[in-house]
Amino acid sequence: MDKDKLMIGLTVLLALVILFNQYQLSSFGGSLNLGGTSISATDVIPKGVPTIYGQELSISYDGVSVNNPQLADATLAKMGVFDNSITLTGDKLQRYINIGLQISCEYCCGAESVIFKNGQAACGCAHSQAMRGIAKYLIDKHADEFTDDQILGEMGKWKVLSFPGIHQQKAAVLEQKGIELNYINLASNKYRGIEKGATSSGGSMVGGC
């Protein structure tokens, strides 16, 4: 009987630990909206304030919208400034290169990625500067709080906000093909060009090129 009670107690304790961990992960993942977190084709536009760096930089995903071009430019510029003001070296630079080579700004400048293989900027548009800037900022200031995929996901969110229509179109194509919808699959080079030939859903570029 004592052994049975002990086993029951341990089982209950284990269940509580699992539930607590799931709550912690869902709470953190929901607020940060991680790069690998699934999204829906009808709700690809990020909303709200980014966890950790949003308050630090006084920026919101809602700041990049076709409804307010001036605010969109200002929001992208806040991140873009770090593209030139932060210089990464050593392991941080290599991490930046590994991440940056996975995403491009093909709807504006057409470059293969936002950086060259040496880490130098490959495109001078505001969208690329913002993506590079936020990647540098997170690697420099919050290296232990964001994984590479999470940083790539954050870059992807700002890219989606800058080109909302084409990404909604791409999301529909990914969904039709049974590909998981997350900001890495949607905005990185992983499925670049998969939306070609599909019926356009419209939507203007947000922010200057």
N, C-alpha and C. Protein backbone atom coordinates (compact mmCIF):
# COMPACT_ATOMS: atom_id res chain seq x y z
N MET A 1 0.83 -1.21 0.00
CA MET A 1 0.00 0.00 0.00
C MET A 1 0.86 1.26 0.00
N ASP A 2 1.94 1.23 0.81
CA ASP A 2 2.81 2.41 0.86
C ASP A 2 3.46 2.66 -0.49
N LYS A 3 3.84 1.55 -1.17
CA LYS A 3 4.46 1.70 -2.48
C LYS A 3 3.46 2.26 -3.49
N ASP A 4 2.21 1.79 -3.39
CA ASP A 4 1.16 2.28 -4.29
C ASP A 4 0.91 3.76 -4.07
N LYS A 5 0.85 4.18 -2.83
CA LYS A 5 0.65 5.59 -2.52
C LYS A 5 1.82 6.42 -3.03
N LEU A 6 3.02 5.88 -2.87
CA LEU A 6 4.20 6.60 -3.33
C LEU A 6 4.17 6.76 -4.85
N MET A 7 3.80 5.70 -5.56
CA MET A 7 3.73 5.75 -7.02
C MET A 7 2.67 6.75 -7.49
N ILE A 8 1.53 6.72 -6.80
CA ILE A 8 0.45 7.66 -7.14
C ILE A 8 0.91 9.09 -6.90
N GLY A 9 1.58 9.30 -5.77
CA GLY A 9 2.07 10.64 -5.45
C GLY A 9 3.08 11.14 -6.47
N LEU A 10 4.01 10.24 -6.87
CA LEU A 10 5.01 10.62 -7.86
C LEU A 10 4.38 10.90 -9.21
N THR A 11 3.36 10.11 -9.57
CA THR A 11 2.67 10.31 -10.84
C THR A 11 1.97 11.66 -10.87
N VAL A 12 1.30 11.99 -9.76
CA VAL A 12 0.61 13.28 -9.66
C VAL A 12 1.61 14.43 -9.73
N LEU A 13 2.74 14.27 -9.02
CA LEU A 13 3.76 15.31 -9.01
C LEU A 13 4.33 15.51 -10.41
N LEU A 14 4.60 14.40 -11.12
CA LEU A 14 5.13 14.48 -12.48
C LEU A 14 4.15 15.18 -13.40
N ALA A 15 2.88 14.85 -13.25
CA ALA A 15 1.85 15.48 -14.08
C ALA A 15 1.80 16.98 -13.84
N LEU A 16 1.93 17.38 -12.57
CA LEU A 16 1.90 18.80 -12.24
C LEU A 16 3.12 19.52 -12.82
N VAL A 17 4.28 18.87 -12.76
CA VAL A 17 5.49 19.47 -13.33
C VAL A 17 5.35 19.65 -14.83
N ILE A 18 4.81 18.64 -15.52
CA ILE A 18 4.62 18.72 -16.97
C ILE A 18 3.66 19.84 -17.33
N LEU A 19 2.55 19.92 -16.59
CA LEU A 19 1.57 20.98 -16.84
C LEU A 19 2.17 22.35 -16.62
N PHE A 20 2.97 22.49 -15.56
CA PHE A 20 3.60 23.77 -15.27
C PHE A 20 4.57 24.16 -16.38
N ASN A 21 5.37 23.20 -16.83
CA ASN A 21 6.32 23.48 -17.91
C ASN A 21 5.61 23.86 -19.20
N GLN A 22 4.52 23.18 -19.51
CA GLN A 22 3.75 23.51 -20.71
C GLN A 22 3.18 24.92 -20.62
N TYR A 23 2.72 25.27 -19.41
CA TYR A 23 2.19 26.62 -19.21
C TYR A 23 3.28 27.66 -19.41
N GLN A 24 4.46 27.39 -18.84
CA GLN A 24 5.56 28.33 -18.99
C GLN A 24 5.96 28.49 -20.45
N LEU A 25 6.06 27.39 -21.17
CA LEU A 25 6.45 27.44 -22.57
C LEU A 25 5.41 28.14 -23.42
N SER A 26 4.13 27.84 -23.17
CA SER A 26 3.09 28.47 -23.97
C SER A 26 2.99 29.94 -23.66
N SER A 27 3.21 30.29 -22.39
CA SER A 27 3.16 31.70 -22.01
C SER A 27 4.29 32.47 -22.66
N PHE A 28 5.51 31.91 -22.61
CA PHE A 28 6.66 32.59 -23.21
C PHE A 28 6.55 32.59 -24.72
N GLY A 29 6.19 31.43 -25.30
CA GLY A 29 6.08 31.33 -26.75
C GLY A 29 5.00 32.22 -27.31
N GLY A 30 3.88 32.35 -26.59
CA GLY A 30 2.78 33.16 -27.09
C GLY A 30 3.13 34.62 -27.13
N SER A 31 3.85 35.09 -26.11
CA SER A 31 4.19 36.50 -26.07
C SER A 31 5.33 36.84 -27.01
N LEU A 32 6.27 35.89 -27.14
CA LEU A 32 7.41 36.13 -28.03
C LEU A 32 7.09 35.76 -29.46
N ASN A 33 6.13 34.84 -29.63
CA ASN A 33 5.75 34.35 -30.96
C ASN A 33 6.99 33.85 -31.68
N LEU A 34 7.54 32.79 -31.18
CA LEU A 34 8.81 32.25 -31.63
C LEU A 34 8.81 31.96 -33.12
N GLY A 35 10.01 31.94 -33.68
CA GLY A 35 10.13 31.69 -35.11
C GLY A 35 9.51 30.39 -35.54
N GLY A 36 9.55 29.37 -34.69
CA GLY A 36 9.00 28.08 -35.05
C GLY A 36 7.57 27.88 -34.61
N THR A 37 6.96 28.86 -33.96
CA THR A 37 5.60 28.71 -33.50
C THR A 37 4.63 28.79 -34.67
N SER A 38 3.71 27.85 -34.73
CA SER A 38 2.77 27.81 -35.84
C SER A 38 1.84 29.01 -35.82
N ILE A 39 1.49 29.47 -36.99
CA ILE A 39 0.53 30.56 -37.16
C ILE A 39 -0.50 30.09 -38.18
N SER A 40 -1.53 30.89 -38.40
CA SER A 40 -2.55 30.51 -39.39
C SER A 40 -2.45 31.41 -40.60
N ALA A 41 -2.93 30.90 -41.74
CA ALA A 41 -2.84 31.64 -42.99
C ALA A 41 -3.65 32.92 -42.95
N THR A 42 -4.65 32.97 -42.09
CA THR A 42 -5.49 34.16 -42.01
C THR A 42 -5.00 35.15 -40.97
N ASP A 43 -3.94 34.79 -40.26
CA ASP A 43 -3.46 35.66 -39.19
C ASP A 43 -1.94 35.69 -39.16
N VAL A 44 -1.34 36.05 -40.30
CA VAL A 44 0.12 36.03 -40.39
C VAL A 44 0.75 37.34 -39.93
N ILE A 45 -0.04 38.38 -39.76
CA ILE A 45 0.50 39.69 -39.39
C ILE A 45 0.76 39.75 -37.89
N PRO A 46 2.02 39.91 -37.48
CA PRO A 46 2.32 40.00 -36.04
C PRO A 46 1.66 41.23 -35.42
N LYS A 47 1.26 41.11 -34.18
CA LYS A 47 0.59 42.21 -33.48
C LYS A 47 1.16 42.35 -32.08
N GLY A 48 1.07 43.57 -31.55
CA GLY A 48 1.49 43.81 -30.18
C GLY A 48 2.94 44.21 -30.05
N VAL A 49 3.43 44.15 -28.83
CA VAL A 49 4.81 44.58 -28.52
C VAL A 49 5.71 43.37 -28.40
N PRO A 50 6.82 43.33 -29.12
CA PRO A 50 7.74 42.20 -29.01
C PRO A 50 8.24 42.03 -27.58
N THR A 51 8.29 40.80 -27.13
CA THR A 51 8.79 40.52 -25.79
C THR A 51 10.27 40.90 -25.68
N ILE A 52 10.61 41.46 -24.57
CA ILE A 52 11.97 41.86 -24.18
C ILE A 52 12.41 43.14 -24.91
N TYR A 53 12.61 43.07 -26.22
CA TYR A 53 13.19 44.23 -26.89
C TYR A 53 12.17 45.29 -27.30
N GLY A 54 10.90 44.93 -27.33
CA GLY A 54 9.88 45.89 -27.73
C GLY A 54 9.81 47.11 -26.82
N GLN A 55 9.78 46.85 -25.52
CA GLN A 55 9.73 47.95 -24.56
C GLN A 55 11.06 48.68 -24.50
N GLU A 56 12.14 47.96 -24.63
CA GLU A 56 13.47 48.59 -24.60
C GLU A 56 13.62 49.61 -25.73
N LEU A 57 13.11 49.27 -26.90
CA LEU A 57 13.27 50.14 -28.07
C LEU A 57 12.03 50.98 -28.34
N SER A 58 11.00 50.80 -27.53
CA SER A 58 9.74 51.53 -27.71
C SER A 58 9.17 51.31 -29.12
N ILE A 59 9.10 50.04 -29.51
CA ILE A 59 8.54 49.70 -30.82
C ILE A 59 7.46 48.63 -30.66
N SER A 60 6.57 48.60 -31.63
CA SER A 60 5.49 47.63 -31.65
C SER A 60 5.33 47.11 -33.07
N TYR A 61 4.92 45.85 -33.20
CA TYR A 61 4.63 45.33 -34.52
C TYR A 61 3.55 46.18 -35.21
N ASP A 62 2.65 46.72 -34.41
CA ASP A 62 1.56 47.54 -34.94
C ASP A 62 2.06 48.84 -35.57
N GLY A 63 3.32 49.18 -35.31
CA GLY A 63 3.88 50.42 -35.85
C GLY A 63 4.21 50.34 -37.33
N VAL A 64 4.26 49.13 -37.89
CA VAL A 64 4.54 48.98 -39.32
C VAL A 64 3.25 48.57 -40.01
N SER A 65 2.60 49.55 -40.62
CA SER A 65 1.30 49.33 -41.24
C SER A 65 1.11 50.28 -42.40
N VAL A 66 0.33 49.83 -43.40
CA VAL A 66 0.02 50.69 -44.55
C VAL A 66 -0.80 51.90 -44.12
N ASN A 67 -1.40 51.82 -42.95
CA ASN A 67 -2.26 52.90 -42.48
C ASN A 67 -1.49 54.10 -41.96
N ASN A 68 -0.20 53.93 -41.68
CA ASN A 68 0.59 55.03 -41.14
C ASN A 68 2.03 54.92 -41.65
N PRO A 69 2.27 55.36 -42.88
CA PRO A 69 3.61 55.24 -43.48
C PRO A 69 4.71 55.92 -42.68
N GLN A 70 4.39 57.08 -42.07
CA GLN A 70 5.40 57.81 -41.31
C GLN A 70 5.85 57.00 -40.09
N LEU A 71 4.88 56.41 -39.38
CA LEU A 71 5.22 55.59 -38.22
C LEU A 71 5.97 54.33 -38.65
N ALA A 72 5.58 53.77 -39.78
CA ALA A 72 6.27 52.58 -40.29
C ALA A 72 7.74 52.89 -40.57
N ASP A 73 7.99 54.00 -41.23
CA ASP A 73 9.37 54.40 -41.52
C ASP A 73 10.16 54.62 -40.24
N ALA A 74 9.52 55.27 -39.27
CA ALA A 74 10.19 55.56 -38.00
C ALA A 74 10.49 54.28 -37.22
N THR A 75 9.56 53.33 -37.25
CA THR A 75 9.76 52.06 -36.55
C THR A 75 10.89 51.26 -37.16
N LEU A 76 10.90 51.17 -38.47
CA LEU A 76 11.98 50.44 -39.15
C LEU A 76 13.32 51.13 -38.91
N ALA A 77 13.30 52.46 -38.88
CA ALA A 77 14.54 53.22 -38.67
C ALA A 77 15.13 52.98 -37.28
N LYS A 78 14.26 52.76 -36.27
CA LYS A 78 14.73 52.51 -34.91
C LYS A 78 15.56 51.23 -34.85
N MET A 79 15.16 50.25 -35.65
CA MET A 79 15.92 49.00 -35.69
C MET A 79 17.10 49.12 -36.65
N GLY A 80 16.88 49.83 -37.75
CA GLY A 80 17.91 49.97 -38.77
C GLY A 80 19.17 50.66 -38.27
N VAL A 81 19.03 51.52 -37.28
CA VAL A 81 20.19 52.25 -36.77
C VAL A 81 21.25 51.30 -36.20
N PHE A 82 20.81 50.15 -35.68
CA PHE A 82 21.76 49.19 -35.10
C PHE A 82 22.58 48.48 -36.17
N ASP A 83 22.11 48.54 -37.41
CA ASP A 83 22.86 47.91 -38.50
C ASP A 83 24.25 48.52 -38.63
N ASN A 84 24.35 49.80 -38.35
CA ASN A 84 25.63 50.50 -38.45
C ASN A 84 26.28 50.77 -37.10
N SER A 85 25.48 50.87 -36.04
CA SER A 85 26.04 51.25 -34.74
C SER A 85 26.57 50.07 -33.94
N ILE A 86 26.16 48.85 -34.30
CA ILE A 86 26.64 47.67 -33.58
C ILE A 86 27.61 46.90 -34.47
N THR A 87 28.79 46.65 -33.97
CA THR A 87 29.80 45.86 -34.69
C THR A 87 30.02 44.56 -33.93
N LEU A 88 29.72 43.45 -34.56
CA LEU A 88 29.87 42.15 -33.93
C LEU A 88 31.20 41.53 -34.34
N THR A 89 31.80 40.79 -33.42
CA THR A 89 33.06 40.11 -33.70
C THR A 89 33.01 38.69 -33.14
N GLY A 90 33.96 37.88 -33.54
CA GLY A 90 34.10 36.54 -32.98
C GLY A 90 32.87 35.67 -33.16
N ASP A 91 32.50 34.99 -32.07
CA ASP A 91 31.37 34.07 -32.12
C ASP A 91 30.06 34.79 -32.42
N LYS A 92 29.93 36.02 -31.93
CA LYS A 92 28.71 36.78 -32.20
C LYS A 92 28.58 37.08 -33.69
N LEU A 93 29.68 37.41 -34.33
CA LEU A 93 29.66 37.69 -35.76
C LEU A 93 29.31 36.42 -36.54
N GLN A 94 29.88 35.30 -36.15
CA GLN A 94 29.59 34.05 -36.85
C GLN A 94 28.13 33.67 -36.69
N ARG A 95 27.61 33.90 -35.51
CA ARG A 95 26.18 33.62 -35.28
C ARG A 95 25.32 34.51 -36.16
N TYR A 96 25.68 35.75 -36.24
CA TYR A 96 24.95 36.72 -37.08
C TYR A 96 24.98 36.29 -38.55
N ILE A 97 26.14 35.84 -39.01
CA ILE A 97 26.27 35.39 -40.40
C ILE A 97 25.39 34.17 -40.65
N ASN A 98 25.43 33.22 -39.73
CA ASN A 98 24.62 32.01 -39.87
C ASN A 98 23.14 32.33 -39.99
N ILE A 99 22.69 33.30 -39.22
CA ILE A 99 21.28 33.68 -39.24
C ILE A 99 20.96 34.53 -40.46
N GLY A 100 21.78 35.53 -40.71
CA GLY A 100 21.50 36.49 -41.77
C GLY A 100 21.49 35.91 -43.17
N LEU A 101 22.27 34.86 -43.39
CA LEU A 101 22.30 34.24 -44.71
C LEU A 101 21.02 33.47 -45.03
N GLN A 102 20.17 33.29 -44.02
CA GLN A 102 18.96 32.51 -44.21
C GLN A 102 17.74 33.33 -44.64
N ILE A 103 17.90 34.65 -44.74
CA ILE A 103 16.74 35.49 -45.05
C ILE A 103 17.15 36.62 -46.00
N SER A 104 16.23 37.00 -46.85
CA SER A 104 16.52 38.04 -47.85
C SER A 104 15.40 39.07 -47.85
N CYS A 105 15.56 40.06 -48.72
CA CYS A 105 14.52 41.08 -48.91
C CYS A 105 14.14 41.08 -50.39
N GLU A 106 13.79 39.88 -50.87
CA GLU A 106 13.61 39.67 -52.30
C GLU A 106 12.49 40.47 -52.93
N TYR A 107 11.54 40.93 -52.15
CA TYR A 107 10.43 41.69 -52.72
C TYR A 107 10.77 43.16 -52.92
N CYS A 108 11.97 43.54 -52.47
CA CYS A 108 12.40 44.93 -52.62
C CYS A 108 13.69 45.00 -53.44
N CYS A 109 14.76 44.40 -52.91
CA CYS A 109 16.06 44.55 -53.58
C CYS A 109 16.48 43.32 -54.38
N GLY A 110 15.89 42.17 -54.10
CA GLY A 110 16.20 40.98 -54.87
C GLY A 110 17.48 40.28 -54.50
N ALA A 111 18.17 40.71 -53.45
CA ALA A 111 19.42 40.08 -53.04
C ALA A 111 19.17 38.66 -52.55
N GLU A 112 20.19 37.81 -52.64
CA GLU A 112 20.04 36.42 -52.20
C GLU A 112 19.84 36.33 -50.70
N SER A 113 20.42 37.24 -49.95
CA SER A 113 20.22 37.32 -48.51
C SER A 113 20.53 38.75 -48.09
N VAL A 114 20.20 39.09 -46.85
CA VAL A 114 20.40 40.47 -46.40
C VAL A 114 21.87 40.78 -46.13
N ILE A 115 22.70 39.72 -46.09
CA ILE A 115 24.15 39.91 -45.90
C ILE A 115 24.92 39.03 -46.89
N PHE A 116 26.20 39.39 -47.08
CA PHE A 116 27.11 38.53 -47.81
C PHE A 116 27.70 37.50 -46.83
N LYS A 117 28.46 36.56 -47.35
CA LYS A 117 29.01 35.50 -46.51
C LYS A 117 30.01 36.00 -45.47
N ASN A 118 30.52 37.23 -45.67
CA ASN A 118 31.44 37.80 -44.68
C ASN A 118 30.71 38.64 -43.63
N GLY A 119 29.39 38.70 -43.74
CA GLY A 119 28.60 39.44 -42.76
C GLY A 119 28.30 40.87 -43.15
N GLN A 120 28.88 41.34 -44.26
CA GLN A 120 28.62 42.70 -44.71
C GLN A 120 27.24 42.81 -45.33
N ALA A 121 26.67 44.00 -45.27
CA ALA A 121 25.32 44.23 -45.81
C ALA A 121 25.27 43.97 -47.31
N ALA A 122 24.24 43.24 -47.74
CA ALA A 122 24.09 42.92 -49.16
C ALA A 122 22.99 43.74 -49.81
N CYS A 123 22.27 44.51 -49.01
CA CYS A 123 21.17 45.31 -49.53
C CYS A 123 21.01 46.54 -48.65
N GLY A 124 20.77 47.69 -49.27
CA GLY A 124 20.70 48.93 -48.50
C GLY A 124 19.30 49.43 -48.21
N CYS A 125 18.28 48.63 -48.52
CA CYS A 125 16.91 49.09 -48.31
C CYS A 125 16.57 49.14 -46.81
N ALA A 126 15.57 49.92 -46.48
CA ALA A 126 15.20 50.11 -45.07
C ALA A 126 14.76 48.81 -44.42
N HIS A 127 14.11 47.93 -45.20
CA HIS A 127 13.65 46.67 -44.63
C HIS A 127 14.82 45.78 -44.23
N SER A 128 15.82 45.71 -45.11
CA SER A 128 17.00 44.90 -44.80
C SER A 128 17.78 45.49 -43.63
N GLN A 129 17.90 46.80 -43.59
CA GLN A 129 18.60 47.45 -42.48
C GLN A 129 17.91 47.14 -41.16
N ALA A 130 16.58 47.15 -41.17
CA ALA A 130 15.83 46.85 -39.95
C ALA A 130 16.04 45.40 -39.52
N MET A 131 16.00 44.48 -40.48
CA MET A 131 16.20 43.07 -40.15
C MET A 131 17.61 42.82 -39.63
N ARG A 132 18.58 43.40 -40.30
CA ARG A 132 19.96 43.23 -39.83
C ARG A 132 20.15 43.89 -38.47
N GLY A 133 19.55 45.07 -38.30
CA GLY A 133 19.70 45.81 -37.06
C GLY A 133 19.14 45.06 -35.86
N ILE A 134 17.95 44.48 -36.03
CA ILE A 134 17.34 43.79 -34.88
C ILE A 134 18.10 42.50 -34.59
N ALA A 135 18.63 41.86 -35.63
CA ALA A 135 19.44 40.65 -35.40
C ALA A 135 20.70 41.00 -34.61
N LYS A 136 21.38 42.07 -35.01
CA LYS A 136 22.59 42.50 -34.29
C LYS A 136 22.26 42.88 -32.85
N TYR A 137 21.16 43.58 -32.67
CA TYR A 137 20.77 44.03 -31.33
C TYR A 137 20.51 42.82 -30.42
N LEU A 138 19.76 41.84 -30.91
CA LEU A 138 19.43 40.69 -30.09
C LEU A 138 20.65 39.83 -29.80
N ILE A 139 21.54 39.68 -30.77
CA ILE A 139 22.76 38.91 -30.55
C ILE A 139 23.68 39.63 -29.58
N ASP A 140 23.75 40.95 -29.67
CA ASP A 140 24.64 41.74 -28.83
C ASP A 140 24.10 41.91 -27.42
N LYS A 141 22.80 42.14 -27.29
CA LYS A 141 22.21 42.47 -25.99
C LYS A 141 21.49 41.32 -25.31
N HIS A 142 21.00 40.37 -26.09
CA HIS A 142 20.18 39.29 -25.52
C HIS A 142 20.56 37.93 -26.09
N ALA A 143 21.86 37.69 -26.20
CA ALA A 143 22.36 36.47 -26.84
C ALA A 143 21.85 35.20 -26.18
N ASP A 144 21.70 35.22 -24.86
CA ASP A 144 21.28 34.02 -24.14
C ASP A 144 19.77 33.88 -24.03
N GLU A 145 19.04 34.90 -24.45
CA GLU A 145 17.59 34.87 -24.31
C GLU A 145 16.86 34.50 -25.60
N PHE A 146 17.59 34.52 -26.70
CA PHE A 146 17.01 34.18 -28.00
C PHE A 146 17.87 33.13 -28.69
N THR A 147 17.23 32.08 -29.19
CA THR A 147 17.94 31.11 -30.01
C THR A 147 18.10 31.68 -31.42
N ASP A 148 18.89 31.01 -32.24
CA ASP A 148 19.06 31.46 -33.62
C ASP A 148 17.72 31.48 -34.36
N ASP A 149 16.92 30.44 -34.15
CA ASP A 149 15.61 30.37 -34.82
C ASP A 149 14.70 31.49 -34.34
N GLN A 150 14.77 31.84 -33.07
CA GLN A 150 13.93 32.91 -32.55
C GLN A 150 14.34 34.25 -33.15
N ILE A 151 15.64 34.46 -33.32
CA ILE A 151 16.10 35.70 -33.94
C ILE A 151 15.69 35.74 -35.40
N LEU A 152 15.85 34.63 -36.11
CA LEU A 152 15.42 34.55 -37.50
C LEU A 152 13.92 34.77 -37.60
N GLY A 153 13.18 34.24 -36.64
CA GLY A 153 11.73 34.45 -36.62
C GLY A 153 11.36 35.90 -36.42
N GLU A 154 12.10 36.60 -35.55
CA GLU A 154 11.84 38.02 -35.34
C GLU A 154 12.13 38.82 -36.61
N MET A 155 13.22 38.49 -37.28
CA MET A 155 13.53 39.15 -38.55
C MET A 155 12.40 38.90 -39.53
N GLY A 156 11.91 37.67 -39.53
CA GLY A 156 10.82 37.31 -40.43
C GLY A 156 9.55 38.08 -40.17
N LYS A 157 9.25 38.34 -38.91
CA LYS A 157 8.03 39.09 -38.58
C LYS A 157 8.07 40.49 -39.16
N TRP A 158 9.23 41.15 -39.04
CA TRP A 158 9.33 42.52 -39.57
C TRP A 158 9.30 42.51 -41.10
N LYS A 159 9.78 41.43 -41.69
CA LYS A 159 9.70 41.30 -43.14
C LYS A 159 8.25 41.12 -43.57
N VAL A 160 7.50 40.30 -42.84
CA VAL A 160 6.08 40.09 -43.14
C VAL A 160 5.32 41.41 -43.02
N LEU A 161 5.62 42.18 -41.99
CA LEU A 161 4.96 43.47 -41.80
C LEU A 161 5.28 44.43 -42.93
N SER A 162 6.48 44.32 -43.48
CA SER A 162 6.89 45.22 -44.56
C SER A 162 6.27 44.83 -45.90
N PHE A 163 5.93 43.56 -46.05
CA PHE A 163 5.32 43.07 -47.29
C PHE A 163 4.13 42.17 -46.94
N PRO A 164 3.08 42.76 -46.38
CA PRO A 164 1.97 41.95 -45.86
C PRO A 164 1.20 41.17 -46.92
N GLY A 165 0.89 41.80 -48.04
CA GLY A 165 0.07 41.14 -49.05
C GLY A 165 0.71 39.89 -49.62
N ILE A 166 1.97 39.99 -50.00
CA ILE A 166 2.66 38.86 -50.63
C ILE A 166 2.85 37.72 -49.63
N HIS A 167 3.01 38.06 -48.35
CA HIS A 167 3.19 37.00 -47.36
C HIS A 167 1.86 36.32 -47.02
N GLN A 168 0.77 37.04 -47.09
CA GLN A 168 -0.53 36.40 -46.92
C GLN A 168 -0.78 35.43 -48.08
N GLN A 169 -0.36 35.84 -49.27
CA GLN A 169 -0.45 34.99 -50.45
C GLN A 169 0.44 33.75 -50.28
N LYS A 170 1.65 33.96 -49.82
CA LYS A 170 2.58 32.86 -49.63
C LYS A 170 2.08 31.91 -48.55
N ALA A 171 1.49 32.46 -47.49
CA ALA A 171 0.96 31.63 -46.42
C ALA A 171 -0.13 30.69 -46.93
N ALA A 172 -0.96 31.20 -47.82
CA ALA A 172 -2.03 30.37 -48.39
C ALA A 172 -1.44 29.23 -49.22
N VAL A 173 -0.38 29.52 -49.96
CA VAL A 173 0.28 28.49 -50.77
C VAL A 173 0.93 27.43 -49.88
N LEU A 174 1.62 27.88 -48.83
CA LEU A 174 2.24 26.93 -47.90
C LEU A 174 1.19 26.03 -47.26
N GLU A 175 0.07 26.63 -46.88
CA GLU A 175 -1.01 25.87 -46.26
C GLU A 175 -1.57 24.84 -47.24
N GLN A 176 -1.76 25.25 -48.49
CA GLN A 176 -2.27 24.34 -49.51
C GLN A 176 -1.34 23.15 -49.72
N LYS A 177 -0.06 23.38 -49.56
CA LYS A 177 0.94 22.32 -49.77
C LYS A 177 1.22 21.52 -48.50
N GLY A 178 0.52 21.85 -47.43
CA GLY A 178 0.69 21.11 -46.19
C GLY A 178 1.96 21.42 -45.44
N ILE A 179 2.52 22.59 -45.71
CA ILE A 179 3.75 23.01 -45.03
C ILE A 179 3.41 23.81 -43.78
N GLU A 180 4.05 23.49 -42.67
CA GLU A 180 3.75 24.18 -41.42
C GLU A 180 3.96 25.69 -41.58
N LEU A 181 3.01 26.43 -41.05
CA LEU A 181 3.11 27.89 -41.12
C LEU A 181 3.77 28.43 -39.86
N ASN A 182 4.95 28.99 -40.03
CA ASN A 182 5.61 29.73 -38.97
C ASN A 182 6.44 30.79 -39.67
N TYR A 183 7.00 31.71 -38.91
CA TYR A 183 7.67 32.86 -39.53
C TYR A 183 8.98 32.50 -40.22
N ILE A 184 9.56 31.38 -39.87
CA ILE A 184 10.76 30.95 -40.59
C ILE A 184 10.37 30.41 -41.96
N ASN A 185 9.40 29.51 -41.99
CA ASN A 185 8.95 28.97 -43.27
C ASN A 185 8.35 30.05 -44.16
N LEU A 186 7.69 31.01 -43.54
CA LEU A 186 7.00 32.05 -44.29
C LEU A 186 7.93 33.12 -44.84
N ALA A 187 8.93 33.52 -44.08
CA ALA A 187 9.71 34.71 -44.46
C ALA A 187 11.18 34.46 -44.77
N SER A 188 11.72 33.32 -44.39
CA SER A 188 13.12 33.06 -44.69
C SER A 188 13.28 32.56 -46.12
N ASN A 189 14.50 32.21 -46.48
CA ASN A 189 14.76 31.70 -47.83
C ASN A 189 14.36 30.24 -48.01
N LYS A 190 13.87 29.62 -46.97
CA LYS A 190 13.57 28.19 -47.00
C LYS A 190 12.59 27.84 -48.11
N TYR A 191 11.56 28.64 -48.27
CA TYR A 191 10.57 28.40 -49.32
C TYR A 191 10.45 29.62 -50.23
N ARG A 192 11.58 30.25 -50.47
CA ARG A 192 11.58 31.45 -51.30
C ARG A 192 11.03 31.16 -52.70
N GLY A 193 10.09 31.98 -53.13
CA GLY A 193 9.53 31.86 -54.47
C GLY A 193 8.42 30.85 -54.63
N ILE A 194 8.03 30.17 -53.55
CA ILE A 194 7.01 29.14 -53.65
C ILE A 194 5.65 29.71 -54.07
N GLU A 195 5.47 31.02 -53.83
CA GLU A 195 4.18 31.65 -54.16
C GLU A 195 4.09 32.08 -55.62
N LYS A 196 5.17 31.95 -56.37
CA LYS A 196 5.14 32.40 -57.76
C LYS A 196 4.11 31.63 -58.57
N GLY A 197 3.35 32.36 -59.36
CA GLY A 197 2.32 31.74 -60.17
C GLY A 197 0.97 31.69 -59.49
N ALA A 198 0.94 31.97 -58.19
CA ALA A 198 -0.34 31.99 -57.48
C ALA A 198 -1.05 33.30 -57.73
N THR A 199 -2.36 33.31 -57.54
CA THR A 199 -3.13 34.53 -57.72
C THR A 199 -2.74 35.54 -56.66
N SER A 200 -2.41 36.76 -57.07
CA SER A 200 -1.96 37.77 -56.13
C SER A 200 -3.07 38.19 -55.19
N SER A 201 -2.70 38.37 -53.92
CA SER A 201 -3.67 38.84 -52.92
C SER A 201 -3.56 40.33 -52.69
N GLY A 202 -2.64 40.98 -53.43
CA GLY A 202 -2.50 42.42 -53.28
C GLY A 202 -1.72 42.80 -52.04
N GLY A 203 -1.74 44.07 -51.69
CA GLY A 203 -1.03 44.54 -50.51
C GLY A 203 0.22 45.28 -50.91
N SER A 204 0.37 46.47 -50.37
CA SER A 204 1.50 47.33 -50.74
C SER A 204 2.70 47.06 -49.86
N MET A 205 3.85 47.47 -50.34
CA MET A 205 5.06 47.45 -49.53
C MET A 205 4.93 48.53 -48.46
N VAL A 206 5.32 48.20 -47.25
CA VAL A 206 5.25 49.17 -46.15
C VAL A 206 6.66 49.60 -45.80
N GLY A 207 6.90 50.88 -45.77
CA GLY A 207 8.22 51.40 -45.50
C GLY A 207 8.99 51.63 -46.78
N GLY A 208 9.94 52.55 -46.74
CA GLY A 208 10.71 52.89 -47.92
C GLY A 208 11.71 51.81 -48.29
N CYS A 209 12.01 51.75 -49.58
CA CYS A 209 12.94 50.73 -50.06
C CYS A 209 14.36 51.29 -50.09
